[in-house]
Amino acid sequence: MRSFISSIISVFLLGINIHASVYKGQKEYMKKCKVCHSSGAKLSKSKTMDEWIQLFSNNASKLKKIHNKDKKAIKYLNSERFKKKKKHLLDFFKKYAADSGNVPACSD
């Protein structure tokens, strides 16, 4: 019985942690990406989860290649801030990716 309750609590806390990561990613998107890309919901839906994972893999090399002509974006993508926040951004993009089946409550 005790392990069952522990399991339920663990699943609940994991769910809270995942939601927090998505929220942090959305918050970072609003601060750093929305200026150029507008709606996070539309941008998220433009790729599948696997495509988002590919863009963020290898130190976001494909993402950097896409943004190579934008000095401000490249500066951000090479920053310590991005290194700390990229997991949250990726979680946000995957949560609302084209193949996720999720629809954001509001389109930011």
N, C-alpha and C. Protein backbone atom coordinates (compact mmCIF):
# COMPACT_ATOMS: atom_id res chain seq x y z
N MET A 1 0.82 -1.19 0.00
CA MET A 1 0.00 0.00 0.00
C MET A 1 0.87 1.26 0.00
N ARG A 2 1.92 1.19 0.79
CA ARG A 2 2.81 2.34 0.90
C ARG A 2 3.49 2.63 -0.44
N SER A 3 3.93 1.60 -1.15
CA SER A 3 4.59 1.80 -2.45
C SER A 3 3.59 2.31 -3.49
N PHE A 4 2.35 1.90 -3.38
CA PHE A 4 1.31 2.38 -4.30
C PHE A 4 1.12 3.89 -4.12
N ILE A 5 1.04 4.33 -2.89
CA ILE A 5 0.87 5.76 -2.61
C ILE A 5 2.11 6.53 -3.06
N SER A 6 3.28 5.97 -2.82
CA SER A 6 4.52 6.60 -3.29
C SER A 6 4.54 6.73 -4.81
N SER A 7 4.07 5.71 -5.49
CA SER A 7 4.01 5.75 -6.96
C SER A 7 3.07 6.84 -7.44
N ILE A 8 1.92 6.96 -6.83
CA ILE A 8 0.96 7.99 -7.22
C ILE A 8 1.55 9.38 -6.99
N ILE A 9 2.19 9.58 -5.86
CA ILE A 9 2.81 10.87 -5.57
C ILE A 9 3.91 11.17 -6.57
N SER A 10 4.72 10.18 -6.92
CA SER A 10 5.80 10.37 -7.89
C SER A 10 5.26 10.78 -9.26
N VAL A 11 4.22 10.11 -9.71
CA VAL A 11 3.61 10.43 -11.01
C VAL A 11 3.04 11.85 -10.98
N PHE A 12 2.39 12.20 -9.90
CA PHE A 12 1.82 13.54 -9.75
C PHE A 12 2.92 14.60 -9.80
N LEU A 13 4.01 14.39 -9.06
CA LEU A 13 5.10 15.35 -9.03
C LEU A 13 5.81 15.43 -10.38
N LEU A 14 5.94 14.32 -11.06
CA LEU A 14 6.54 14.32 -12.40
C LEU A 14 5.67 15.14 -13.35
N GLY A 15 4.38 14.99 -13.27
CA GLY A 15 3.47 15.77 -14.11
C GLY A 15 3.59 17.25 -13.85
N ILE A 16 3.73 17.64 -12.60
CA ILE A 16 3.90 19.05 -12.26
C ILE A 16 5.22 19.56 -12.83
N ASN A 17 6.27 18.77 -12.71
CA ASN A 17 7.58 19.17 -13.22
C ASN A 17 7.55 19.34 -14.73
N ILE A 18 6.93 18.45 -15.46
CA ILE A 18 6.84 18.54 -16.92
C ILE A 18 6.05 19.80 -17.31
N HIS A 19 4.95 20.06 -16.63
CA HIS A 19 4.16 21.25 -16.93
C HIS A 19 4.97 22.51 -16.66
N ALA A 20 5.73 22.50 -15.57
CA ALA A 20 6.56 23.66 -15.23
C ALA A 20 7.60 23.91 -16.32
N SER A 21 8.17 22.85 -16.87
CA SER A 21 9.16 22.99 -17.92
C SER A 21 8.54 23.60 -19.18
N VAL A 22 7.35 23.14 -19.53
CA VAL A 22 6.65 23.68 -20.69
C VAL A 22 6.34 25.16 -20.46
N TYR A 23 5.89 25.49 -19.26
CA TYR A 23 5.59 26.89 -18.93
C TYR A 23 6.85 27.74 -19.02
N LYS A 24 7.96 27.23 -18.50
CA LYS A 24 9.23 27.98 -18.57
C LYS A 24 9.65 28.17 -20.02
N GLY A 25 9.44 27.17 -20.85
CA GLY A 25 9.77 27.28 -22.27
C GLY A 25 8.91 28.33 -22.96
N GLN A 26 7.63 28.34 -22.63
CA GLN A 26 6.73 29.33 -23.21
C GLN A 26 7.15 30.74 -22.78
N LYS A 27 7.51 30.87 -21.53
CA LYS A 27 7.94 32.17 -21.00
C LYS A 27 9.20 32.65 -21.71
N GLU A 28 10.15 31.74 -21.93
CA GLU A 28 11.38 32.08 -22.63
C GLU A 28 11.08 32.44 -24.09
N TYR A 29 10.19 31.70 -24.73
CA TYR A 29 9.78 32.00 -26.10
C TYR A 29 9.24 33.43 -26.18
N MET A 30 8.39 33.77 -25.23
CA MET A 30 7.78 35.11 -25.22
C MET A 30 8.84 36.20 -25.08
N LYS A 31 9.87 35.92 -24.30
CA LYS A 31 10.92 36.92 -24.07
C LYS A 31 11.88 37.04 -25.24
N LYS A 32 12.24 35.92 -25.86
CA LYS A 32 13.34 35.93 -26.81
C LYS A 32 12.98 35.65 -28.27
N CYS A 33 11.88 34.98 -28.53
CA CYS A 33 11.60 34.52 -29.89
C CYS A 33 10.38 35.18 -30.54
N LYS A 34 9.43 35.58 -29.73
CA LYS A 34 8.16 36.08 -30.26
C LYS A 34 8.33 37.31 -31.15
N VAL A 35 9.34 38.12 -30.88
CA VAL A 35 9.57 39.34 -31.66
C VAL A 35 9.65 39.03 -33.16
N CYS A 36 10.35 37.96 -33.49
CA CYS A 36 10.51 37.59 -34.90
C CYS A 36 9.50 36.54 -35.37
N HIS A 37 9.15 35.61 -34.48
CA HIS A 37 8.36 34.45 -34.90
C HIS A 37 6.87 34.55 -34.59
N SER A 38 6.45 35.60 -33.89
CA SER A 38 5.04 35.81 -33.56
C SER A 38 4.50 34.69 -32.69
N SER A 39 3.43 34.07 -33.06
CA SER A 39 2.73 33.08 -32.24
C SER A 39 3.54 31.81 -32.00
N GLY A 40 3.73 31.48 -30.73
CA GLY A 40 4.43 30.25 -30.36
C GLY A 40 3.63 29.02 -30.76
N ALA A 41 2.31 29.14 -30.70
CA ALA A 41 1.45 28.01 -31.08
C ALA A 41 1.63 27.66 -32.56
N LYS A 42 1.64 28.68 -33.40
CA LYS A 42 1.81 28.45 -34.84
C LYS A 42 3.19 27.89 -35.16
N LEU A 43 4.22 28.45 -34.52
CA LEU A 43 5.57 27.95 -34.76
C LEU A 43 5.71 26.52 -34.28
N SER A 44 5.18 26.21 -33.12
CA SER A 44 5.25 24.84 -32.59
C SER A 44 4.61 23.84 -33.54
N LYS A 45 3.45 24.21 -34.08
CA LYS A 45 2.70 23.32 -34.98
C LYS A 45 3.37 23.16 -36.35
N SER A 46 4.37 23.97 -36.63
CA SER A 46 5.03 23.89 -37.94
C SER A 46 5.98 22.70 -38.05
N LYS A 47 6.26 22.03 -36.94
CA LYS A 47 7.19 20.89 -36.94
C LYS A 47 6.62 19.76 -36.09
N THR A 48 7.08 18.55 -36.35
CA THR A 48 6.72 17.41 -35.50
C THR A 48 7.67 17.37 -34.30
N MET A 49 7.34 16.52 -33.34
CA MET A 49 8.22 16.38 -32.16
C MET A 49 9.63 15.97 -32.58
N ASP A 50 9.72 15.02 -33.48
CA ASP A 50 11.05 14.57 -33.94
C ASP A 50 11.82 15.69 -34.64
N GLU A 51 11.12 16.50 -35.41
CA GLU A 51 11.79 17.62 -36.07
C GLU A 51 12.31 18.63 -35.05
N TRP A 52 11.54 18.90 -34.00
CA TRP A 52 12.00 19.81 -32.95
C TRP A 52 13.22 19.23 -32.25
N ILE A 53 13.19 17.95 -31.98
CA ILE A 53 14.33 17.30 -31.32
C ILE A 53 15.58 17.44 -32.20
N GLN A 54 15.43 17.23 -33.50
CA GLN A 54 16.56 17.37 -34.42
C GLN A 54 17.12 18.80 -34.42
N LEU A 55 16.23 19.79 -34.41
CA LEU A 55 16.68 21.19 -34.42
C LEU A 55 17.48 21.53 -33.16
N PHE A 56 17.11 20.93 -32.03
CA PHE A 56 17.78 21.24 -30.77
C PHE A 56 18.96 20.32 -30.47
N SER A 57 19.14 19.26 -31.25
CA SER A 57 20.24 18.32 -30.98
C SER A 57 21.58 18.91 -31.44
N ASN A 58 22.65 18.28 -31.00
CA ASN A 58 24.02 18.71 -31.36
C ASN A 58 24.24 20.20 -31.09
N ASN A 59 23.90 20.59 -29.86
CA ASN A 59 24.06 21.98 -29.45
C ASN A 59 23.26 22.93 -30.34
N ALA A 60 22.09 22.48 -30.77
CA ALA A 60 21.17 23.27 -31.60
C ALA A 60 21.81 23.71 -32.92
N SER A 61 22.66 22.89 -33.49
CA SER A 61 23.38 23.27 -34.71
C SER A 61 22.45 23.58 -35.88
N LYS A 62 21.37 22.80 -36.04
CA LYS A 62 20.44 23.07 -37.15
C LYS A 62 19.65 24.35 -36.90
N LEU A 63 19.33 24.61 -35.66
CA LEU A 63 18.62 25.84 -35.30
C LEU A 63 19.52 27.05 -35.57
N LYS A 64 20.78 26.91 -35.25
CA LYS A 64 21.74 27.99 -35.51
C LYS A 64 21.92 28.21 -37.01
N LYS A 65 21.91 27.13 -37.78
CA LYS A 65 22.06 27.26 -39.23
C LYS A 65 20.87 28.03 -39.83
N ILE A 66 19.67 27.75 -39.34
CA ILE A 66 18.47 28.46 -39.81
C ILE A 66 18.57 29.95 -39.51
N HIS A 67 19.16 30.29 -38.36
CA HIS A 67 19.22 31.68 -37.90
C HIS A 67 20.56 32.35 -38.23
N ASN A 68 21.37 31.76 -39.09
CA ASN A 68 22.73 32.25 -39.29
C ASN A 68 22.85 33.69 -39.79
N LYS A 69 21.81 34.24 -40.38
CA LYS A 69 21.88 35.62 -40.87
C LYS A 69 21.35 36.64 -39.86
N ASP A 70 20.87 36.16 -38.74
CA ASP A 70 20.33 37.04 -37.70
C ASP A 70 21.32 37.10 -36.53
N LYS A 71 22.09 38.16 -36.46
CA LYS A 71 23.15 38.29 -35.44
C LYS A 71 22.59 38.21 -34.02
N LYS A 72 21.46 38.83 -33.81
CA LYS A 72 20.85 38.82 -32.47
C LYS A 72 20.44 37.40 -32.07
N ALA A 73 19.86 36.67 -33.00
CA ALA A 73 19.44 35.29 -32.73
C ALA A 73 20.65 34.40 -32.47
N ILE A 74 21.70 34.56 -33.27
CA ILE A 74 22.90 33.75 -33.09
C ILE A 74 23.56 34.06 -31.75
N LYS A 75 23.57 35.31 -31.38
CA LYS A 75 24.13 35.69 -30.07
C LYS A 75 23.37 34.97 -28.95
N TYR A 76 22.06 34.97 -29.05
CA TYR A 76 21.23 34.28 -28.05
C TYR A 76 21.47 32.78 -28.08
N LEU A 77 21.48 32.18 -29.26
CA LEU A 77 21.65 30.73 -29.39
C LEU A 77 23.02 30.25 -28.90
N ASN A 78 23.99 31.15 -28.85
CA ASN A 78 25.32 30.80 -28.33
C ASN A 78 25.50 31.22 -26.87
N SER A 79 24.48 31.77 -26.27
CA SER A 79 24.59 32.30 -24.90
C SER A 79 24.42 31.22 -23.84
N GLU A 80 24.89 31.55 -22.64
CA GLU A 80 24.68 30.68 -21.48
C GLU A 80 23.19 30.58 -21.15
N ARG A 81 22.48 31.66 -21.36
CA ARG A 81 21.04 31.67 -21.10
C ARG A 81 20.34 30.60 -21.93
N PHE A 82 20.67 30.55 -23.23
CA PHE A 82 20.05 29.54 -24.09
C PHE A 82 20.41 28.14 -23.63
N LYS A 83 21.67 27.93 -23.25
CA LYS A 83 22.08 26.61 -22.77
C LYS A 83 21.25 26.17 -21.57
N LYS A 84 20.91 27.13 -20.70
CA LYS A 84 20.12 26.82 -19.52
C LYS A 84 18.64 26.62 -19.85
N LYS A 85 18.15 27.34 -20.84
CA LYS A 85 16.71 27.36 -21.14
C LYS A 85 16.29 26.45 -22.30
N LYS A 86 17.24 25.90 -23.06
CA LYS A 86 16.87 25.16 -24.27
C LYS A 86 16.02 23.93 -23.97
N LYS A 87 16.24 23.28 -22.84
CA LYS A 87 15.43 22.12 -22.49
C LYS A 87 13.97 22.54 -22.33
N HIS A 88 13.74 23.67 -21.71
CA HIS A 88 12.38 24.16 -21.51
C HIS A 88 11.75 24.59 -22.84
N LEU A 89 12.54 25.25 -23.68
CA LEU A 89 12.03 25.64 -25.00
C LEU A 89 11.65 24.39 -25.80
N LEU A 90 12.51 23.40 -25.79
CA LEU A 90 12.22 22.17 -26.52
C LEU A 90 10.95 21.51 -25.97
N ASP A 91 10.81 21.47 -24.65
CA ASP A 91 9.59 20.90 -24.05
C ASP A 91 8.35 21.65 -24.50
N PHE A 92 8.45 22.96 -24.59
CA PHE A 92 7.33 23.78 -25.06
C PHE A 92 6.99 23.45 -26.51
N PHE A 93 8.00 23.41 -27.37
CA PHE A 93 7.76 23.11 -28.79
C PHE A 93 7.20 21.71 -28.99
N LYS A 94 7.73 20.73 -28.25
CA LYS A 94 7.23 19.36 -28.37
C LYS A 94 5.80 19.23 -27.86
N LYS A 95 5.47 19.94 -26.80
CA LYS A 95 4.13 19.86 -26.21
C LYS A 95 3.06 20.24 -27.24
N TYR A 96 3.37 21.23 -28.09
CA TYR A 96 2.38 21.72 -29.06
C TYR A 96 2.79 21.43 -30.51
N ALA A 97 3.66 20.47 -30.71
CA ALA A 97 4.11 20.10 -32.06
C ALA A 97 2.94 19.58 -32.90
N ALA A 98 3.16 19.53 -34.20
CA ALA A 98 2.11 19.13 -35.14
C ALA A 98 1.53 17.76 -34.81
N ASP A 99 2.35 16.84 -34.33
CA ASP A 99 1.89 15.49 -34.05
C ASP A 99 1.61 15.24 -32.57
N SER A 100 1.53 16.29 -31.77
CA SER A 100 1.33 16.13 -30.34
C SER A 100 -0.13 15.90 -29.96
N GLY A 101 -1.04 16.44 -30.76
CA GLY A 101 -2.45 16.34 -30.42
C GLY A 101 -2.89 17.36 -29.38
N ASN A 102 -1.97 18.22 -28.96
CA ASN A 102 -2.29 19.24 -27.95
C ASN A 102 -2.61 20.58 -28.61
N VAL A 103 -3.51 21.29 -28.01
CA VAL A 103 -3.88 22.62 -28.49
C VAL A 103 -3.69 23.58 -27.32
N PRO A 104 -2.90 24.64 -27.53
CA PRO A 104 -2.68 25.58 -26.44
C PRO A 104 -3.98 26.31 -26.07
N ALA A 105 -4.07 26.68 -24.80
CA ALA A 105 -5.28 27.36 -24.31
C ALA A 105 -5.41 28.74 -24.95
N CYS A 106 -4.28 29.41 -25.13
CA CYS A 106 -4.29 30.71 -25.82
C CYS A 106 -3.12 30.74 -26.76
N SER A 107 -3.21 31.44 -27.87
CA SER A 107 -2.17 31.40 -28.90
C SER A 107 -1.14 32.50 -28.69
N ASP A 108 -0.15 32.20 -27.86
CA ASP A 108 0.98 33.13 -27.63
C ASP A 108 2.25 32.56 -28.18
